């Protein structure tokens, strides 16, 4: 019975770690930020909200895969 209740905690913990990693990477790389309007010429137009969401979801899935690949085996002794 304890193994069942602990199984959910491990998966949730991986998701929390992946979310923290996403926040760090997104803040560092500037993913999801809107373009700041400025005077003069501008290069590319600001990415649309849908594109930003798609980028963040793709980044989250990559973060989750990275965390899960580093997680210890469930049956391994600690």
PDB file of N, CA and C in Angstrom:
ATOM      1  N   UNK A   1       0.826  -1.194   0.000  1.00  0.00           N
ATOM      2  CA  UNK A   1       0.000   0.000   0.000  1.00  0.00           C
ATOM      3  C   UNK A   1       0.866   1.252   0.000  1.00  0.00           C
ATOM      4  N   UNK A   2       1.948   1.244   0.785  1.00  0.00           N
ATOM      5  CA  UNK A   2       2.838   2.404   0.823  1.00  0.00           C
ATOM      6  C   UNK A   2       3.502   2.639  -0.527  1.00  0.00           C
ATOM      7  N   UNK A   3       3.803   1.552  -1.242  1.00  0.00           N
ATOM      8  CA  UNK A   3       4.454   1.698  -2.549  1.00  0.00           C
ATOM      9  C   UNK A   3       3.541   2.439  -3.521  1.00  0.00           C
ATOM     10  N   UNK A   4       2.255   2.187  -3.442  1.00  0.00           N
ATOM     11  CA  UNK A   4       1.309   2.877  -4.322  1.00  0.00           C
ATOM     12  C   UNK A   4       1.246   4.364  -4.004  1.00  0.00           C
ATOM     13  N   UNK A   5       1.191   4.703  -2.737  1.00  0.00           N
ATOM     14  CA  UNK A   5       1.094   6.121  -2.387  1.00  0.00           C
ATOM     15  C   UNK A   5       2.396   6.856  -2.671  1.00  0.00           C
ATOM     16  N   UNK A   6       3.536   6.192  -2.547  1.00  0.00           N
ATOM     17  CA  UNK A   6       4.821   6.821  -2.834  1.00  0.00           C
ATOM     18  C   UNK A   6       5.072   6.961  -4.323  1.00  0.00           C
ATOM     19  N   UNK A   7       4.455   6.117  -5.127  1.00  0.00           N
ATOM     20  CA  UNK A   7       4.659   6.188  -6.575  1.00  0.00           C
ATOM     21  C   UNK A   7       4.165   7.521  -7.121  1.00  0.00           C
ATOM     22  N   UNK A   8       3.056   8.001  -6.636  1.00  0.00           N
ATOM     23  CA  UNK A   8       2.529   9.288  -7.078  1.00  0.00           C
ATOM     24  C   UNK A   8       3.405  10.447  -6.652  1.00  0.00           C
ATOM     25  N   UNK A   9       4.019  10.342  -5.494  1.00  0.00           N
ATOM     26  CA  UNK A   9       4.874  11.422  -5.007  1.00  0.00           C
ATOM     27  C   UNK A   9       6.126  11.558  -5.865  1.00  0.00           C
ATOM     28  N   UNK A  10       6.694  10.436  -6.304  1.00  0.00           N
ATOM     29  CA  UNK A  10       7.887  10.505  -7.139  1.00  0.00           C
ATOM     30  C   UNK A  10       7.600  11.167  -8.465  1.00  0.00           C
ATOM     31  N   UNK A  11       6.484  10.850  -9.083  1.00  0.00           N
ATOM     32  CA  UNK A  11       6.123  11.442 -10.371  1.00  0.00           C
ATOM     33  C   UNK A  11       5.849  12.932 -10.198  1.00  0.00           C
ATOM     34  N   UNK A  12       5.177  13.293  -9.148  1.00  0.00           N
ATOM     35  CA  UNK A  12       4.883  14.709  -8.906  1.00  0.00           C
ATOM     36  C   UNK A  12       6.171  15.477  -8.646  1.00  0.00           C
ATOM     37  N   UNK A  13       7.075  14.867  -7.936  1.00  0.00           N
ATOM     38  CA  UNK A  13       8.343  15.529  -7.643  1.00  0.00           C
ATOM     39  C   UNK A  13       9.104  15.796  -8.938  1.00  0.00           C
ATOM     40  N   UNK A  14       9.123  14.848  -9.856  1.00  0.00           N
ATOM     41  CA  UNK A  14       9.786  15.054 -11.143  1.00  0.00           C
ATOM     42  C   UNK A  14       9.148  16.206 -11.907  1.00  0.00           C
ATOM     43  N   UNK A  15       7.837  16.305 -11.841  1.00  0.00           N
ATOM     44  CA  UNK A  15       7.139  17.390 -12.529  1.00  0.00           C
ATOM     45  C   UNK A  15       7.489  18.736 -11.919  1.00  0.00           C
ATOM     46  N   UNK A  16       7.596  18.779 -10.582  1.00  0.00           N
ATOM     47  CA  UNK A  16       7.968  20.028  -9.917  1.00  0.00           C
ATOM     48  C   UNK A  16       9.386  20.449 -10.287  1.00  0.00           C
ATOM     49  N   UNK A  17      10.292  19.491 -10.327  1.00  0.00           N
ATOM     50  CA  UNK A  17      11.675  19.784 -10.689  1.00  0.00           C
ATOM     51  C   UNK A  17      11.738  20.262 -12.138  1.00  0.00           C
ATOM     52  N   UNK A  18      10.994  19.612 -13.019  1.00  0.00           N
ATOM     53  CA  UNK A  18      10.973  20.015 -14.424  1.00  0.00           C
ATOM     54  C   UNK A  18      10.401  21.420 -14.577  1.00  0.00           C
ATOM     55  N   UNK A  19       9.397  21.758 -13.783  1.00  0.00           N
ATOM     56  CA  UNK A  19       8.817  23.093 -13.844  1.00  0.00           C
ATOM     57  C   UNK A  19       9.821  24.148 -13.377  1.00  0.00           C
ATOM     58  N   UNK A  20      10.554  23.838 -12.307  1.00  0.00           N
ATOM     59  CA  UNK A  20      11.594  24.769 -11.840  1.00  0.00           C
ATOM     60  C   UNK A  20      12.681  24.936 -12.892  1.00  0.00           C
ATOM     61  N   UNK A  21      13.059  23.838 -13.528  1.00  0.00           N
ATOM     62  CA  UNK A  21      14.062  23.902 -14.587  1.00  0.00           C
ATOM     63  C   UNK A  21      13.549  24.738 -15.760  1.00  0.00           C
ATOM     64  N   UNK A  22      12.290  24.559 -16.111  1.00  0.00           N
ATOM     65  CA  UNK A  22      11.673  25.361 -17.176  1.00  0.00           C
ATOM     66  C   UNK A  22      11.735  26.844 -16.842  1.00  0.00           C
ATOM     67  N   UNK A  23      11.380  27.199 -15.621  1.00  0.00           N
ATOM     68  CA  UNK A  23      11.410  28.603 -15.211  1.00  0.00           C
ATOM     69  C   UNK A  23      12.812  29.181 -15.334  1.00  0.00           C
ATOM     70  N   UNK A  24      13.809  28.405 -14.899  1.00  0.00           N
ATOM     71  CA  UNK A  24      15.188  28.868 -14.959  1.00  0.00           C
ATOM     72  C   UNK A  24      15.643  29.065 -16.401  1.00  0.00           C
ATOM     73  N   UNK A  25      15.415  28.063 -17.233  1.00  0.00           N
ATOM     74  CA  UNK A  25      15.860  28.132 -18.633  1.00  0.00           C
ATOM     75  C   UNK A  25      15.122  29.239 -19.377  1.00  0.00           C
ATOM     76  N   UNK A  26      13.814  29.354 -19.156  1.00  0.00           N
ATOM     77  CA  UNK A  26      13.030  30.375 -19.849  1.00  0.00           C
ATOM     78  C   UNK A  26      13.486  31.776 -19.449  1.00  0.00           C
ATOM     79  N   UNK A  27      13.769  31.971 -18.171  1.00  0.00           N
ATOM     80  CA  UNK A  27      14.220  33.287 -17.718  1.00  0.00           C
ATOM     81  C   UNK A  27      15.610  33.602 -18.249  1.00  0.00           C
ATOM     82  N   UNK A  28      16.473  32.606 -18.272  1.00  0.00           N
ATOM     83  CA  UNK A  28      17.841  32.812 -18.735  1.00  0.00           C
ATOM     84  C   UNK A  28      17.889  33.073 -20.235  1.00  0.00           C
ATOM     85  N   UNK A  29      17.116  32.305 -20.991  1.00  0.00           N
ATOM     86  CA  UNK A  29      17.147  32.413 -22.451  1.00  0.00           C
ATOM     87  C   UNK A  29      16.152  33.439 -22.992  1.00  0.00           C
ATOM     88  N   UNK A  30      15.279  33.944 -22.142  1.00  0.00           N
ATOM     89  CA  UNK A  30      14.303  34.924 -22.595  1.00  0.00           C
ATOM     90  C   UNK A  30      13.159  34.314 -23.377  1.00  0.00           C
ATOM     91  N   UNK A  31      12.896  33.035 -23.174  1.00  0.00           N
ATOM     92  CA  UNK A  31      11.803  32.363 -23.876  1.00  0.00           C
ATOM     93  C   UNK A  31      10.483  32.826 -23.277  1.00  0.00           C
ATOM     94  N   UNK A  32       9.548  33.181 -24.118  1.00  0.00           N
ATOM     95  CA  UNK A  32       8.229  33.570 -23.657  1.00  0.00           C
ATOM     96  C   UNK A  32       8.079  35.045 -23.342  1.00  0.00           C
ATOM     97  N   UNK A  33       9.150  35.816 -23.470  1.00  0.00           N
ATOM     98  CA  UNK A  33       9.052  37.253 -23.212  1.00  0.00           C
ATOM     99  C   UNK A  33       8.517  37.954 -24.452  1.00  0.00           C
ATOM    100  N   UNK A  34       7.748  38.980 -24.205  1.00  0.00           N
ATOM    101  CA  UNK A  34       7.236  39.761 -25.326  1.00  0.00           C
ATOM    102  C   UNK A  34       8.274  40.803 -25.713  1.00  0.00           C
ATOM    103  N   UNK A  35       8.224  41.215 -26.949  1.00  0.00           N
ATOM    104  CA  UNK A  35       9.166  42.227 -27.433  1.00  0.00           C
ATOM    105  C   UNK A  35       8.800  43.579 -26.831  1.00  0.00           C
ATOM    106  N   UNK A  36       9.808  44.328 -26.445  1.00  0.00           N
ATOM    107  CA  UNK A  36       9.590  45.648 -25.877  1.00  0.00           C
ATOM    108  C   UNK A  36       9.516  46.651 -27.020  1.00  0.00           C
ATOM    109  N   UNK A  37       8.436  47.413 -27.090  1.00  0.00           N
ATOM    110  CA  UNK A  37       8.340  48.391 -28.177  1.00  0.00           C
ATOM    111  C   UNK A  37       9.425  49.459 -28.027  1.00  0.00           C
ATOM    112  N   UNK A  38      10.008  49.829 -29.145  1.00  0.00           N
ATOM    113  CA  UNK A  38      11.049  50.851 -29.111  1.00  0.00           C
ATOM    114  C   UNK A  38      10.882  51.771 -30.313  1.00  0.00           C
ATOM    115  N   UNK A  39      11.495  52.904 -30.213  1.00  0.00           N
ATOM    116  CA  UNK A  39      11.453  53.873 -31.292  1.00  0.00           C
ATOM    117  C   UNK A  39      12.434  53.470 -32.375  1.00  0.00           C
ATOM    118  N   UNK A  40      12.047  53.610 -33.610  1.00  0.00           N
ATOM    119  CA  UNK A  40      12.949  53.286 -34.698  1.00  0.00           C
ATOM    120  C   UNK A  40      12.579  51.991 -35.374  1.00  0.00           C
ATOM    121  N   UNK A  41      13.549  51.447 -36.043  1.00  0.00           N
ATOM    122  CA  UNK A  41      13.318  50.210 -36.779  1.00  0.00           C
ATOM    123  C   UNK A  41      13.307  49.024 -35.834  1.00  0.00           C
ATOM    124  N   UNK A  42      12.488  48.069 -36.177  1.00  0.00           N
ATOM    125  CA  UNK A  42      12.475  46.836 -35.396  1.00  0.00           C
ATOM    126  C   UNK A  42      12.758  45.684 -36.333  1.00  0.00           C
ATOM    127  N   UNK A  43      13.422  44.683 -35.815  1.00  0.00           N
ATOM    128  CA  UNK A  43      13.772  43.518 -36.613  1.00  0.00           C
ATOM    129  C   UNK A  43      12.544  42.678 -36.914  1.00  0.00           C
ATOM    130  N   UNK A  44      12.409  41.614 -36.226  1.00  0.00           N
ATOM    131  CA  UNK A  44      11.280  40.705 -36.438  1.00  0.00           C
ATOM    132  C   UNK A  44      10.104  41.142 -35.579  1.00  0.00           C
ATOM    133  N   UNK A  45       8.928  40.767 -36.006  1.00  0.00           N
ATOM    134  CA  UNK A  45       7.753  41.088 -35.208  1.00  0.00           C
ATOM    135  C   UNK A  45       7.734  40.196 -33.966  1.00  0.00           C
ATOM    136  N   UNK A  46       6.986  40.611 -32.977  1.00  0.00           N
ATOM    137  CA  UNK A  46       6.895  39.850 -31.732  1.00  0.00           C
ATOM    138  C   UNK A  46       6.208  38.518 -31.995  1.00  0.00           C
ATOM    139  N   UNK A  47       6.687  37.457 -31.347  1.00  0.00           N
ATOM    140  CA  UNK A  47       6.043  36.151 -31.544  1.00  0.00           C
ATOM    141  C   UNK A  47       4.623  36.173 -30.993  1.00  0.00           C
ATOM    142  N   UNK A  48       3.753  35.447 -31.634  1.00  0.00           N
ATOM    143  CA  UNK A  48       2.362  35.392 -31.213  1.00  0.00           C
ATOM    144  C   UNK A  48       2.254  34.561 -29.939  1.00  0.00           C
ATOM    145  N   UNK A  49       1.187  34.784 -29.211  1.00  0.00           N
ATOM    146  CA  UNK A  49       0.970  34.086 -27.945  1.00  0.00           C
ATOM    147  C   UNK A  49       0.964  32.580 -28.146  1.00  0.00           C
ATOM    148  N   UNK A  50       0.329  32.115 -29.222  1.00  0.00           N
ATOM    149  CA  UNK A  50       0.263  30.672 -29.481  1.00  0.00           C
ATOM    150  C   UNK A  50       1.659  30.094 -29.696  1.00  0.00           C
ATOM    151  N   UNK A  51       2.511  30.853 -30.376  1.00  0.00           N
ATOM    152  CA  UNK A  51       3.875  30.383 -30.611  1.00  0.00           C
ATOM    153  C   UNK A  51       4.659  30.330 -29.305  1.00  0.00           C
ATOM    154  N   UNK A  52       4.459  31.321 -28.438  1.00  0.00           N
ATOM    155  CA  UNK A  52       5.135  31.328 -27.149  1.00  0.00           C
ATOM    156  C   UNK A  52       4.697  30.147 -26.285  1.00  0.00           C
ATOM    157  N   UNK A  53       3.403  29.873 -26.285  1.00  0.00           N
ATOM    158  CA  UNK A  53       2.883  28.745 -25.512  1.00  0.00           C
ATOM    159  C   UNK A  53       3.451  27.439 -26.050  1.00  0.00           C
ATOM    160  N   UNK A  54       3.491  27.296 -27.363  1.00  0.00           N
ATOM    161  CA  UNK A  54       4.036  26.082 -27.965  1.00  0.00           C
ATOM    162  C   UNK A  54       5.513  25.911 -27.599  1.00  0.00           C
ATOM    163  N   UNK A  55       6.274  27.019 -27.604  1.00  0.00           N
ATOM    164  CA  UNK A  55       7.689  26.944 -27.221  1.00  0.00           C
ATOM    165  C   UNK A  55       7.844  26.524 -25.765  1.00  0.00           C
ATOM    166  N   UNK A  56       7.021  27.090 -24.884  1.00  0.00           N
ATOM    167  CA  UNK A  56       7.113  26.754 -23.466  1.00  0.00           C
ATOM    168  C   UNK A  56       6.717  25.305 -23.200  1.00  0.00           C
ATOM    169  N   UNK A  57       5.684  24.819 -23.887  1.00  0.00           N
ATOM    170  CA  UNK A  57       5.271  23.425 -23.711  1.00  0.00           C
ATOM    171  C   UNK A  57       6.342  22.462 -24.217  1.00  0.00           C
ATOM    172  N   UNK A  58       6.955  22.797 -25.347  1.00  0.00           N
ATOM    173  CA  UNK A  58       8.033  21.963 -25.873  1.00  0.00           C
ATOM    174  C   UNK A  58       9.222  21.978 -24.919  1.00  0.00           C
ATOM    175  N   UNK A  59       9.528  23.130 -24.366  1.00  0.00           N
ATOM    176  CA  UNK A  59      10.634  23.231 -23.414  1.00  0.00           C
ATOM    177  C   UNK A  59      10.329  22.450 -22.149  1.00  0.00           C
ATOM    178  N   UNK A  60       9.087  22.506 -21.671  1.00  0.00           N
ATOM    179  CA  UNK A  60       8.707  21.742 -20.475  1.00  0.00           C
ATOM    180  C   UNK A  60       8.849  20.247 -20.716  1.00  0.00           C
ATOM    181  N   UNK A  61       8.427  19.772 -21.880  1.00  0.00           N
ATOM    182  CA  UNK A  61       8.542  18.335 -22.151  1.00  0.00           C
ATOM    183  C   UNK A  61      10.004  17.910 -22.205  1.00  0.00           C
ATOM    184  N   UNK A  62      10.862  18.772 -22.745  1.00  0.00           N
ATOM    185  CA  UNK A  62      12.297  18.466 -22.764  1.00  0.00           C
ATOM    186  C   UNK A  62      12.868  18.449 -21.349  1.00  0.00           C
ATOM    187  N   UNK A  63      12.436  19.395 -20.516  1.00  0.00           N
ATOM    188  CA  UNK A  63      12.893  19.436 -19.124  1.00  0.00           C
ATOM    189  C   UNK A  63      12.431  18.196 -18.365  1.00  0.00           C
ATOM    190  N   UNK A  64      11.188  17.793 -18.572  1.00  0.00           N
ATOM    191  CA  UNK A  64      10.655  16.617 -17.887  1.00  0.00           C
ATOM    192  C   UNK A  64      11.408  15.361 -18.306  1.00  0.00           C
ATOM    193  N   UNK A  65      11.709  15.229 -19.595  1.00  0.00           N
ATOM    194  CA  UNK A  65      12.478  14.072 -20.063  1.00  0.00           C
ATOM    195  C   UNK A  65      13.863  14.061 -19.435  1.00  0.00           C
ATOM    196  N   UNK A  66      14.483  15.224 -19.321  1.00  0.00           N
ATOM    197  CA  UNK A  66      15.816  15.316 -18.725  1.00  0.00           C
ATOM    198  C   UNK A  66      15.783  14.928 -17.255  1.00  0.00           C
ATOM    199  N   UNK A  67      14.764  15.375 -16.537  1.00  0.00           N
ATOM    200  CA  UNK A  67      14.652  15.051 -15.119  1.00  0.00           C
ATOM    201  C   UNK A  67      14.373  13.563 -14.938  1.00  0.00           C
ATOM    202  N   UNK A  68      13.499  13.011 -15.760  1.00  0.00           N
ATOM    203  CA  UNK A  68      13.164  11.593 -15.628  1.00  0.00           C
ATOM    204  C   UNK A  68      14.347  10.706 -15.983  1.00  0.00           C
ATOM    205  N   UNK A  69      15.183  11.133 -16.885  1.00  0.00           N
ATOM    206  CA  UNK A  69      16.339  10.317 -17.248  1.00  0.00           C
ATOM    207  C   UNK A  69      17.394  10.334 -16.151  1.00  0.00           C
ATOM    208  N   UNK A  70      17.389  11.383 -15.312  1.00  0.00           N
ATOM    209  CA  UNK A  70      18.343  11.490 -14.203  1.00  0.00           C
ATOM    210  C   UNK A  70      17.800  10.922 -12.908  1.00  0.00           C
ATOM    211  N   UNK A  71      16.495  10.598 -12.850  1.00  0.00           N
ATOM    212  CA  UNK A  71      15.878  10.102 -11.628  1.00  0.00           C
ATOM    213  C   UNK A  71      16.362   8.694 -11.330  1.00  0.00           C
ATOM    214  N   UNK A  72      16.580   8.361 -10.036  1.00  0.00           N
ATOM    215  CA  UNK A  72      16.991   7.007  -9.679  1.00  0.00           C
ATOM    216  C   UNK A  72      15.844   6.027  -9.935  1.00  0.00           C
ATOM    217  N   UNK A  73      16.186   4.782 -10.133  1.00  0.00           N
ATOM    218  CA  UNK A  73      15.185   3.747 -10.366  1.00  0.00           C
ATOM    219  C   UNK A  73      14.283   3.631  -9.136  1.00  0.00           C
ATOM    220  N   UNK A  74      13.018   3.299  -9.363  1.00  0.00           N
ATOM    221  CA  UNK A  74      12.044   3.218  -8.270  1.00  0.00           C
ATOM    222  C   UNK A  74      12.390   2.083  -7.310  1.00  0.00           C
ATOM    223  N   UNK A  75      12.930   0.978  -7.803  1.00  0.00           N
ATOM    224  CA  UNK A  75      13.236  -0.160  -6.965  1.00  0.00           C
ATOM    225  C   UNK A  75      14.642  -0.130  -6.389  1.00  0.00           C
ATOM    226  N   UNK A  76      15.436   0.864  -6.704  1.00  0.00           N
ATOM    227  CA  UNK A  76      16.811   0.930  -6.241  1.00  0.00           C
ATOM    228  C   UNK A  76      16.879   1.331  -4.773  1.00  0.00           C
ATOM    229  N   UNK A  77      17.823   0.747  -4.069  1.00  0.00           N
ATOM    230  CA  UNK A  77      18.035   1.090  -2.665  1.00  0.00           C
ATOM    231  C   UNK A  77      18.752   2.430  -2.575  1.00  0.00           C
ATOM    232  N   UNK A  78      18.349   3.223  -1.591  1.00  0.00           N
ATOM    233  CA  UNK A  78      18.965   4.540  -1.439  1.00  0.00           C
ATOM    234  C   UNK A  78      19.839   4.591  -0.220  1.00  0.00           C
TER     235      UNK A  78
END
